[in-house]
Amino acid sequence: MAKCPYCKAAVTLAETKTETTSVRDEVHKETTGIVKKEIMYSCPHCDSVLGFGFFLGGLLTGRP
C-alpha cells in the first residue's frame, strides 16, 4: 500500500475502510475544467498535495 511522503499514513486511490477504524484512506481528488480536466490529488490525513494530472474530456472525447 502507498504511503504519504509527508505524514507516512497509508493511502490508496480506491475507497477503503479498515476493520479497526472507519477512517477512509482514499486520496482526495478535485477535478476542474470543461475540455481540459485538471485533477489535484491530496492526502486524506494531512491534506498535503500528492500530485497533479490532466486529461482531455468533455465535448472532445465524450468523457464526463
PDB file of N, CA and C in Angstrom:
ATOM      1  N   MET A   1       0.836  -1.166   0.000  1.00  0.00           N
ATOM      2  CA  MET A   1       0.000   0.000   0.000  1.00  0.00           C
ATOM      3  C   MET A   1       0.891   1.242   0.000  1.00  0.00           C
ATOM      4  N   ALA A   2       0.471   2.267  -0.708  1.00  0.00           N
ATOM      5  CA  ALA A   2       1.246   3.501  -0.797  1.00  0.00           C
ATOM      6  C   ALA A   2       1.165   4.283   0.513  1.00  0.00           C
ATOM      7  N   LYS A   3       2.192   5.092   0.768  1.00  0.00           N
ATOM      8  CA  LYS A   3       2.225   5.920   1.969  1.00  0.00           C
ATOM      9  C   LYS A   3       2.470   7.361   1.576  1.00  0.00           C
ATOM     10  N   CYS A   4       1.827   8.262   2.281  1.00  0.00           N
ATOM     11  CA  CYS A   4       2.030   9.695   2.071  1.00  0.00           C
ATOM     12  C   CYS A   4       3.469  10.037   2.463  1.00  0.00           C
ATOM     13  N   PRO A   5       4.211  10.768   1.612  1.00  0.00           N
ATOM     14  CA  PRO A   5       5.593  11.100   1.953  1.00  0.00           C
ATOM     15  C   PRO A   5       5.713  12.122   3.083  1.00  0.00           C
ATOM     16  N   TYR A   6       4.622  12.769   3.452  1.00  0.00           N
ATOM     17  CA  TYR A   6       4.658  13.804   4.484  1.00  0.00           C
ATOM     18  C   TYR A   6       4.279  13.264   5.859  1.00  0.00           C
ATOM     19  N   CYS A   7       3.117  12.564   5.946  1.00  0.00           N
ATOM     20  CA  CYS A   7       2.670  12.087   7.260  1.00  0.00           C
ATOM     21  C   CYS A   7       2.889  10.586   7.451  1.00  0.00           C
ATOM     22  N   LYS A   8       3.348   9.885   6.407  1.00  0.00           N
ATOM     23  CA  LYS A   8       3.648   8.452   6.431  1.00  0.00           C
ATOM     24  C   LYS A   8       2.422   7.561   6.666  1.00  0.00           C
ATOM     25  N   ALA A   9       1.205   8.092   6.500  1.00  0.00           N
ATOM     26  CA  ALA A   9      -0.009   7.291   6.635  1.00  0.00           C
ATOM     27  C   ALA A   9      -0.299   6.583   5.319  1.00  0.00           C
ATOM     28  N   ALA A  10      -0.955   5.431   5.403  1.00  0.00           N
ATOM     29  CA  ALA A  10      -1.285   4.656   4.201  1.00  0.00           C
ATOM     30  C   ALA A  10      -2.402   5.337   3.415  1.00  0.00           C
ATOM     31  N   VAL A  11      -2.243   5.400   2.091  1.00  0.00           N
ATOM     32  CA  VAL A  11      -3.255   5.972   1.202  1.00  0.00           C
ATOM     33  C   VAL A  11      -3.440   5.062  -0.011  1.00  0.00           C
ATOM     34  N   THR A  12      -4.608   5.156  -0.646  1.00  0.00           N
ATOM     35  CA  THR A  12      -4.898   4.391  -1.842  1.00  0.00           C
ATOM     36  C   THR A  12      -5.817   5.209  -2.738  1.00  0.00           C
ATOM     37  N   LEU A  13      -5.878   4.874  -4.028  1.00  0.00           N
ATOM     38  CA  LEU A  13      -6.783   5.572  -4.936  1.00  0.00           C
ATOM     39  C   LEU A  13      -8.212   5.066  -4.795  1.00  0.00           C
ATOM     40  N   ALA A  14      -8.392   3.826  -4.336  1.00  0.00           N
ATOM     41  CA  ALA A  14      -9.727   3.249  -4.161  1.00  0.00           C
ATOM     42  C   ALA A  14     -10.230   3.522  -2.747  1.00  0.00           C
ATOM     43  N   GLU A  15     -11.544   3.543  -2.584  1.00  0.00           N
ATOM     44  CA  GLU A  15     -12.131   3.761  -1.266  1.00  0.00           C
ATOM     45  C   GLU A  15     -11.938   2.524  -0.404  1.00  0.00           C
ATOM     46  N   THR A  16     -11.376   2.703   0.784  1.00  0.00           N
ATOM     47  CA  THR A  16     -11.168   1.576   1.705  1.00  0.00           C
ATOM     48  C   THR A  16     -11.561   1.968   3.111  1.00  0.00           C
ATOM     49  N   LYS A  17     -11.955   1.003   3.887  1.00  0.00           N
ATOM     50  CA  LYS A  17     -12.207   1.200   5.312  1.00  0.00           C
ATOM     51  C   LYS A  17     -11.512   0.067   6.040  1.00  0.00           C
ATOM     52  N   THR A  18     -10.774   0.396   7.070  1.00  0.00           N
ATOM     53  CA  THR A  18     -10.095  -0.642   7.834  1.00  0.00           C
ATOM     54  C   THR A  18     -11.063  -1.231   8.853  1.00  0.00           C
ATOM     55  N   GLU A  19     -10.767  -2.429   9.339  1.00  0.00           N
ATOM     56  CA  GLU A  19     -11.643  -3.091  10.300  1.00  0.00           C
ATOM     57  C   GLU A  19     -11.610  -2.407  11.666  1.00  0.00           C
ATOM     58  N   THR A  20     -10.492  -1.757  11.999  1.00  0.00           N
ATOM     59  CA  THR A  20     -10.365  -1.161  13.326  1.00  0.00           C
ATOM     60  C   THR A  20     -10.935   0.250  13.385  1.00  0.00           C
ATOM     61  N   THR A  21     -10.912   0.968  12.279  1.00  0.00           N
ATOM     62  CA  THR A  21     -11.418   2.341  12.277  1.00  0.00           C
ATOM     63  C   THR A  21     -12.331   2.546  11.078  1.00  0.00           C
ATOM     64  N   SER A  22     -13.054   3.638  11.098  1.00  0.00           N
ATOM     65  CA  SER A  22     -13.927   3.966   9.973  1.00  0.00           C
ATOM     66  C   SER A  22     -13.318   5.099   9.140  1.00  0.00           C
ATOM     67  N   VAL A  23     -12.031   5.330   9.302  1.00  0.00           N
ATOM     68  CA  VAL A  23     -11.350   6.384   8.557  1.00  0.00           C
ATOM     69  C   VAL A  23     -11.120   5.930   7.126  1.00  0.00           C
ATOM     70  N   ARG A  24     -11.411   6.772   6.182  1.00  0.00           N
ATOM     71  CA  ARG A  24     -11.193   6.440   4.778  1.00  0.00           C
ATOM     72  C   ARG A  24      -9.751   6.775   4.413  1.00  0.00           C
ATOM     73  N   ASP A  25      -9.128   5.862   3.663  1.00  0.00           N
ATOM     74  CA  ASP A  25      -7.758   6.061   3.210  1.00  0.00           C
ATOM     75  C   ASP A  25      -7.710   6.534   1.761  1.00  0.00           C
ATOM     76  N   GLU A  26      -8.856   6.871   1.192  1.00  0.00           N
ATOM     77  CA  GLU A  26      -8.925   7.249  -0.207  1.00  0.00           C
ATOM     78  C   GLU A  26      -8.315   8.636  -0.425  1.00  0.00           C
ATOM     79  N   VAL A  27      -7.498   8.756  -1.457  1.00  0.00           N
ATOM     80  CA  VAL A  27      -6.892  10.037  -1.823  1.00  0.00           C
ATOM     81  C   VAL A  27      -7.991  10.970  -2.299  1.00  0.00           C
ATOM     82  N   HIS A  28      -7.969  12.219  -1.825  1.00  0.00           N
ATOM     83  CA  HIS A  28      -8.950  13.204  -2.276  1.00  0.00           C
ATOM     84  C   HIS A  28      -8.609  13.657  -3.684  1.00  0.00           C
ATOM     85  N   LYS A  29      -9.631  13.732  -4.547  1.00  0.00           N
ATOM     86  CA  LYS A  29      -9.440  14.163  -5.932  1.00  0.00           C
ATOM     87  C   LYS A  29     -10.327  15.359  -6.197  1.00  0.00           C
ATOM     88  N   GLU A  30      -9.754  16.452  -6.688  1.00  0.00           N
ATOM     89  CA  GLU A  30     -10.513  17.632  -7.067  1.00  0.00           C
ATOM     90  C   GLU A  30     -10.328  17.838  -8.557  1.00  0.00           C
ATOM     91  N   THR A  31     -11.433  17.854  -9.320  1.00  0.00           N
ATOM     92  CA  THR A  31     -11.382  17.975 -10.770  1.00  0.00           C
ATOM     93  C   THR A  31     -11.988  19.297 -11.190  1.00  0.00           C
ATOM     94  N   THR A  32     -11.300  20.001 -12.085  1.00  0.00           N
ATOM     95  CA  THR A  32     -11.823  21.246 -12.641  1.00  0.00           C
ATOM     96  C   THR A  32     -11.640  21.242 -14.147  1.00  0.00           C
ATOM     97  N   GLY A  33     -12.404  22.071 -14.818  1.00  0.00           N
ATOM     98  CA  GLY A  33     -12.263  22.232 -16.260  1.00  0.00           C
ATOM     99  C   GLY A  33     -13.398  21.604 -17.033  1.00  0.00           C
ATOM    100  N   ILE A  34     -13.625  22.107 -18.247  1.00  0.00           N
ATOM    101  CA  ILE A  34     -14.674  21.591 -19.110  1.00  0.00           C
ATOM    102  C   ILE A  34     -14.071  20.732 -20.212  1.00  0.00           C
ATOM    103  N   VAL A  35     -13.118  21.256 -20.945  1.00  0.00           N
ATOM    104  CA  VAL A  35     -12.491  20.492 -22.026  1.00  0.00           C
ATOM    105  C   VAL A  35     -11.227  19.814 -21.519  1.00  0.00           C
ATOM    106  N   LYS A  36     -10.354  20.577 -20.879  1.00  0.00           N
ATOM    107  CA  LYS A  36      -9.138  20.022 -20.286  1.00  0.00           C
ATOM    108  C   LYS A  36      -9.399  19.827 -18.796  1.00  0.00           C
ATOM    109  N   LYS A  37      -9.538  18.588 -18.378  1.00  0.00           N
ATOM    110  CA  LYS A  37      -9.811  18.270 -16.978  1.00  0.00           C
ATOM    111  C   LYS A  37      -8.502  18.227 -16.210  1.00  0.00           C
ATOM    112  N   GLU A  38      -8.410  19.002 -15.153  1.00  0.00           N
ATOM    113  CA  GLU A  38      -7.232  19.012 -14.297  1.00  0.00           C
ATOM    114  C   GLU A  38      -7.605  18.405 -12.952  1.00  0.00           C
ATOM    115  N   ILE A  39      -6.750  17.518 -12.446  1.00  0.00           N
ATOM    116  CA  ILE A  39      -7.017  16.795 -11.212  1.00  0.00           C
ATOM    117  C   ILE A  39      -5.895  17.073 -10.218  1.00  0.00           C
ATOM    118  N   MET A  40      -6.272  17.347  -8.967  1.00  0.00           N
ATOM    119  CA  MET A  40      -5.294  17.503  -7.895  1.00  0.00           C
ATOM    120  C   MET A  40      -5.558  16.394  -6.881  1.00  0.00           C
ATOM    121  N   TYR A  41      -4.536  15.629  -6.553  1.00  0.00           N
ATOM    122  CA  TYR A  41      -4.631  14.544  -5.582  1.00  0.00           C
ATOM    123  C   TYR A  41      -4.038  15.018  -4.263  1.00  0.00           C
ATOM    124  N   SER A  42      -4.759  14.800  -3.138  1.00  0.00           N
ATOM    125  CA  SER A  42      -4.241  15.197  -1.833  1.00  0.00           C
ATOM    126  C   SER A  42      -4.465  14.088  -0.812  1.00  0.00           C
ATOM    127  N   CYS A  43      -3.634  14.079   0.207  1.00  0.00           N
ATOM    128  CA  CYS A  43      -3.693  13.067   1.267  1.00  0.00           C
ATOM    129  C   CYS A  43      -4.942  13.282   2.119  1.00  0.00           C
ATOM    130  N   PRO A  44      -5.694  12.217   2.448  1.00  0.00           N
ATOM    131  CA  PRO A  44      -6.887  12.370   3.282  1.00  0.00           C
ATOM    132  C   PRO A  44      -6.569  12.636   4.755  1.00  0.00           C
ATOM    133  N   HIS A  45      -5.330  12.384   5.157  1.00  0.00           N
ATOM    134  CA  HIS A  45      -4.957  12.544   6.562  1.00  0.00           C
ATOM    135  C   HIS A  45      -4.386  13.923   6.864  1.00  0.00           C
ATOM    136  N   CYS A  46      -3.464  14.398   6.026  1.00  0.00           N
ATOM    137  CA  CYS A  46      -2.791  15.673   6.319  1.00  0.00           C
ATOM    138  C   CYS A  46      -3.079  16.745   5.276  1.00  0.00           C
ATOM    139  N   ASP A  47      -3.866  16.435   4.238  1.00  0.00           N
ATOM    140  CA  ASP A  47      -4.248  17.365   3.164  1.00  0.00           C
ATOM    141  C   ASP A  47      -3.068  17.926   2.381  1.00  0.00           C
ATOM    142  N   SER A  48      -1.939  17.229   2.371  1.00  0.00           N
ATOM    143  CA  SER A  48      -0.800  17.628   1.551  1.00  0.00           C
ATOM    144  C   SER A  48      -1.059  17.235   0.101  1.00  0.00           C
ATOM    145  N   VAL A  49      -0.603  18.056  -0.821  1.00  0.00           N
ATOM    146  CA  VAL A  49      -0.779  17.771  -2.242  1.00  0.00           C
ATOM    147  C   VAL A  49       0.179  16.652  -2.637  1.00  0.00           C
ATOM    148  N   LEU A  50      -0.369  15.586  -3.246  1.00  0.00           N
ATOM    149  CA  LEU A  50       0.437  14.443  -3.664  1.00  0.00           C
ATOM    150  C   LEU A  50       0.802  14.500  -5.139  1.00  0.00           C
ATOM    151  N   GLY A  51       0.000  15.187  -5.948  1.00  0.00           N
ATOM    152  CA  GLY A  51       0.317  15.266  -7.363  1.00  0.00           C
ATOM    153  C   GLY A  51      -0.808  15.876  -8.177  1.00  0.00           C
ATOM    154  N   PHE A  52      -0.527  16.081  -9.464  1.00  0.00           N
ATOM    155  CA  PHE A  52      -1.477  16.658 -10.392  1.00  0.00           C
ATOM    156  C   PHE A  52      -1.572  15.769 -11.623  1.00  0.00           C
ATOM    157  N   GLY A  53      -2.672  15.857 -12.331  1.00  0.00           N
ATOM    158  CA  GLY A  53      -2.855  15.139 -13.579  1.00  0.00           C
ATOM    159  C   GLY A  53      -3.839  15.887 -14.446  1.00  0.00           C
ATOM    160  N   PHE A  54      -3.888  15.533 -15.734  1.00  0.00           N
ATOM    161  CA  PHE A  54      -4.883  16.138 -16.602  1.00  0.00           C
ATOM    162  C   PHE A  54      -5.217  15.171 -17.725  1.00  0.00           C
ATOM    163  N   PHE A  55      -6.397  15.350 -18.292  1.00  0.00           N
ATOM    164  CA  PHE A  55      -6.812  14.604 -19.470  1.00  0.00           C
ATOM    165  C   PHE A  55      -7.811  15.447 -20.236  1.00  0.00           C
ATOM    166  N   LEU A  56      -7.947  15.159 -21.514  1.00  0.00           N
ATOM    167  CA  LEU A  56      -8.923  15.856 -22.321  1.00  0.00           C
ATOM    168  C   LEU A  56     -10.263  15.162 -22.167  1.00  0.00           C
ATOM    169  N   GLY A  57     -11.279  15.915 -21.876  1.00  0.00           N
ATOM    170  CA  GLY A  57     -12.587  15.345 -21.650  1.00  0.00           C
ATOM    171  C   GLY A  57     -13.683  16.283 -22.127  1.00  0.00           C
ATOM    172  N   GLY A  58     -14.870  16.006 -21.714  1.00  0.00           N
ATOM    173  CA  GLY A  58     -15.992  16.849 -22.076  1.00  0.00           C
ATOM    174  C   GLY A  58     -16.436  16.631 -23.510  1.00  0.00           C
ATOM    175  N   LEU A  59     -16.613  17.706 -24.246  1.00  0.00           N
ATOM    176  CA  LEU A  59     -17.129  17.645 -25.609  1.00  0.00           C
ATOM    177  C   LEU A  59     -16.209  16.922 -26.573  1.00  0.00           C
ATOM    178  N   LEU A  60     -14.926  16.997 -26.344  1.00  0.00           N
ATOM    179  CA  LEU A  60     -13.947  16.447 -27.266  1.00  0.00           C
ATOM    180  C   LEU A  60     -13.933  14.906 -27.294  1.00  0.00           C
ATOM    181  N   THR A  61     -13.991  14.286 -26.117  1.00  0.00           N
ATOM    182  CA  THR A  61     -13.888  12.821 -26.046  1.00  0.00           C
ATOM    183  C   THR A  61     -15.137  12.124 -25.528  1.00  0.00           C
ATOM    184  N   GLY A  62     -16.107  12.879 -25.055  1.00  0.00           N
ATOM    185  CA  GLY A  62     -17.321  12.278 -24.515  1.00  0.00           C
ATOM    186  C   GLY A  62     -17.197  11.830 -23.068  1.00  0.00           C
ATOM    187  N   ARG A  63     -16.068  12.108 -22.429  1.00  0.00           N
ATOM    188  CA  ARG A  63     -15.893  11.781 -21.008  1.00  0.00           C
ATOM    189  C   ARG A  63     -16.628  12.805 -20.160  1.00  0.00           C
ATOM    190  N   PRO A  64     -17.060  12.410 -18.974  1.00  0.00           N
ATOM    191  CA  PRO A  64     -17.719  13.388 -18.075  1.00  0.00           C
ATOM    192  C   PRO A  64     -16.716  14.353 -17.474  1.00  0.00           C
TER     193      PRO A  64
END
